[in-house]
């Protein structure tokens, strides 16, 4: 079983497009889209477990230039 999460991303002004393109190429990212509102980009990621999600996906996402803040929202399996 894998874990999925939505990551809400705030970027520097004018960087949403370049951030979206950069994170779309990261392994484990299943979708990345620029949006309007309090966040600039919303992405969805998938990994085998929370540790892998943080280590292999989120660390790479947070290293993308232009990102100022992220909020990770794991998907609840009900």
C-alpha atoms as a PDB file:
ATOM      1  CA  UNK A   1       0.000   0.000   0.000  1.00  0.00           C
ATOM      2  CA  UNK A   2       1.256   3.481  -0.769  1.00  0.00           C
ATOM      3  CA  UNK A   3       0.650   6.872   0.768  1.00  0.00           C
ATOM      4  CA  UNK A   4      -0.512   9.888  -1.190  1.00  0.00           C
ATOM      5  CA  UNK A   5      -0.401  13.561  -0.266  1.00  0.00           C
ATOM      6  CA  UNK A   6      -1.330  16.927  -1.670  1.00  0.00           C
ATOM      7  CA  UNK A   7       1.333  19.586  -1.258  1.00  0.00           C
ATOM      8  CA  UNK A   8       0.254  23.223  -1.350  1.00  0.00           C
ATOM      9  CA  UNK A   9       3.062  25.520  -2.461  1.00  0.00           C
ATOM     10  CA  UNK A  10       3.643  29.244  -2.193  1.00  0.00           C
ATOM     11  CA  UNK A  11       6.224  30.728  -4.553  1.00  0.00           C
ATOM     12  CA  UNK A  12       8.053  33.966  -5.108  1.00  0.00           C
ATOM     13  CA  UNK A  13       6.145  36.419  -7.309  1.00  0.00           C
ATOM     14  CA  UNK A  14       6.206  35.298 -10.944  1.00  0.00           C
ATOM     15  CA  UNK A  15       7.726  31.868 -10.218  1.00  0.00           C
ATOM     16  CA  UNK A  16       4.611  29.629 -10.254  1.00  0.00           C
ATOM     17  CA  UNK A  17       5.164  28.486 -13.857  1.00  0.00           C
ATOM     18  CA  UNK A  18       8.821  27.564 -13.460  1.00  0.00           C
ATOM     19  CA  UNK A  19       8.169  25.863 -10.103  1.00  0.00           C
ATOM     20  CA  UNK A  20       5.306  23.838 -11.602  1.00  0.00           C
ATOM     21  CA  UNK A  21       7.504  22.642 -14.479  1.00  0.00           C
ATOM     22  CA  UNK A  22      10.388  21.771 -12.146  1.00  0.00           C
ATOM     23  CA  UNK A  23       8.352  19.740  -9.673  1.00  0.00           C
ATOM     24  CA  UNK A  24       6.394  17.923 -12.386  1.00  0.00           C
ATOM     25  CA  UNK A  25       9.629  16.156 -13.312  1.00  0.00           C
ATOM     26  CA  UNK A  26      10.360  14.841  -9.810  1.00  0.00           C
ATOM     27  CA  UNK A  27       9.845  11.095  -9.331  1.00  0.00           C
ATOM     28  CA  UNK A  28       6.798  10.442  -7.164  1.00  0.00           C
ATOM     29  CA  UNK A  29       4.950  13.587  -8.260  1.00  0.00           C
ATOM     30  CA  UNK A  30       1.755  12.479  -9.982  1.00  0.00           C
ATOM     31  CA  UNK A  31       0.358  15.931 -10.836  1.00  0.00           C
ATOM     32  CA  UNK A  32       1.457  19.550 -10.476  1.00  0.00           C
ATOM     33  CA  UNK A  33      -0.685  22.525 -11.432  1.00  0.00           C
ATOM     34  CA  UNK A  34      -0.411  26.292 -11.054  1.00  0.00           C
ATOM     35  CA  UNK A  35      -3.482  27.743  -9.323  1.00  0.00           C
ATOM     36  CA  UNK A  36      -4.732  31.081  -8.005  1.00  0.00           C
ATOM     37  CA  UNK A  37      -5.518  31.932  -4.401  1.00  0.00           C
ATOM     38  CA  UNK A  38      -3.416  31.715  -1.252  1.00  0.00           C
ATOM     39  CA  UNK A  39      -1.234  29.019  -2.849  1.00  0.00           C
ATOM     40  CA  UNK A  40       0.448  29.213  -6.239  1.00  0.00           C
ATOM     41  CA  UNK A  41       0.960  25.527  -7.051  1.00  0.00           C
ATOM     42  CA  UNK A  42      -0.814  22.366  -5.935  1.00  0.00           C
ATOM     43  CA  UNK A  43       0.793  18.999  -6.457  1.00  0.00           C
ATOM     44  CA  UNK A  44      -0.005  15.408  -5.589  1.00  0.00           C
ATOM     45  CA  UNK A  45       2.676  12.898  -4.698  1.00  0.00           C
ATOM     46  CA  UNK A  46       2.824   9.185  -3.992  1.00  0.00           C
ATOM     47  CA  UNK A  47       5.360   7.074  -2.109  1.00  0.00           C
ATOM     48  CA  UNK A  48       5.554   3.722  -0.343  1.00  0.00           C
ATOM     49  CA  UNK A  49       5.357   5.330   3.137  1.00  0.00           C
ATOM     50  CA  UNK A  50       5.646   8.677   4.940  1.00  0.00           C
ATOM     51  CA  UNK A  51       9.400   8.355   5.410  1.00  0.00           C
ATOM     52  CA  UNK A  52       9.956   7.826   1.690  1.00  0.00           C
ATOM     53  CA  UNK A  53       7.559  10.642   0.859  1.00  0.00           C
ATOM     54  CA  UNK A  54       9.592  13.036   2.964  1.00  0.00           C
ATOM     55  CA  UNK A  55      13.016  11.751   1.993  1.00  0.00           C
ATOM     56  CA  UNK A  56      12.655  11.186  -1.723  1.00  0.00           C
ATOM     57  CA  UNK A  57       9.876  13.547  -2.811  1.00  0.00           C
ATOM     58  CA  UNK A  58       9.450  16.461  -0.418  1.00  0.00           C
ATOM     59  CA  UNK A  59      13.165  17.107   0.077  1.00  0.00           C
ATOM     60  CA  UNK A  60      13.535  17.463  -3.695  1.00  0.00           C
ATOM     61  CA  UNK A  61      10.433  19.659  -3.984  1.00  0.00           C
ATOM     62  CA  UNK A  62      11.600  22.005  -1.225  1.00  0.00           C
ATOM     63  CA  UNK A  63      14.957  22.407  -2.978  1.00  0.00           C
ATOM     64  CA  UNK A  64      13.322  23.848  -6.124  1.00  0.00           C
ATOM     65  CA  UNK A  65      14.268  27.522  -6.537  1.00  0.00           C
ATOM     66  CA  UNK A  66      11.383  29.956  -6.087  1.00  0.00           C
ATOM     67  CA  UNK A  67       9.456  28.026  -3.420  1.00  0.00           C
ATOM     68  CA  UNK A  68       8.874  30.009  -0.238  1.00  0.00           C
ATOM     69  CA  UNK A  69       6.560  27.695   1.729  1.00  0.00           C
ATOM     70  CA  UNK A  70       4.922  24.269   1.508  1.00  0.00           C
ATOM     71  CA  UNK A  71       2.058  22.593   3.329  1.00  0.00           C
ATOM     72  CA  UNK A  72       1.771  18.796   3.127  1.00  0.00           C
ATOM     73  CA  UNK A  73      -1.693  17.236   3.397  1.00  0.00           C
ATOM     74  CA  UNK A  74      -1.593  13.417   3.508  1.00  0.00           C
ATOM     75  CA  UNK A  75      -4.639  11.734   1.982  1.00  0.00           C
ATOM     76  CA  UNK A  76      -6.782   9.995   4.603  1.00  0.00           C
ATOM     77  CA  UNK A  77      -7.860   6.464   3.766  1.00  0.00           C
ATOM     78  CA  UNK A  78     -11.321   6.024   5.261  1.00  0.00           C
END
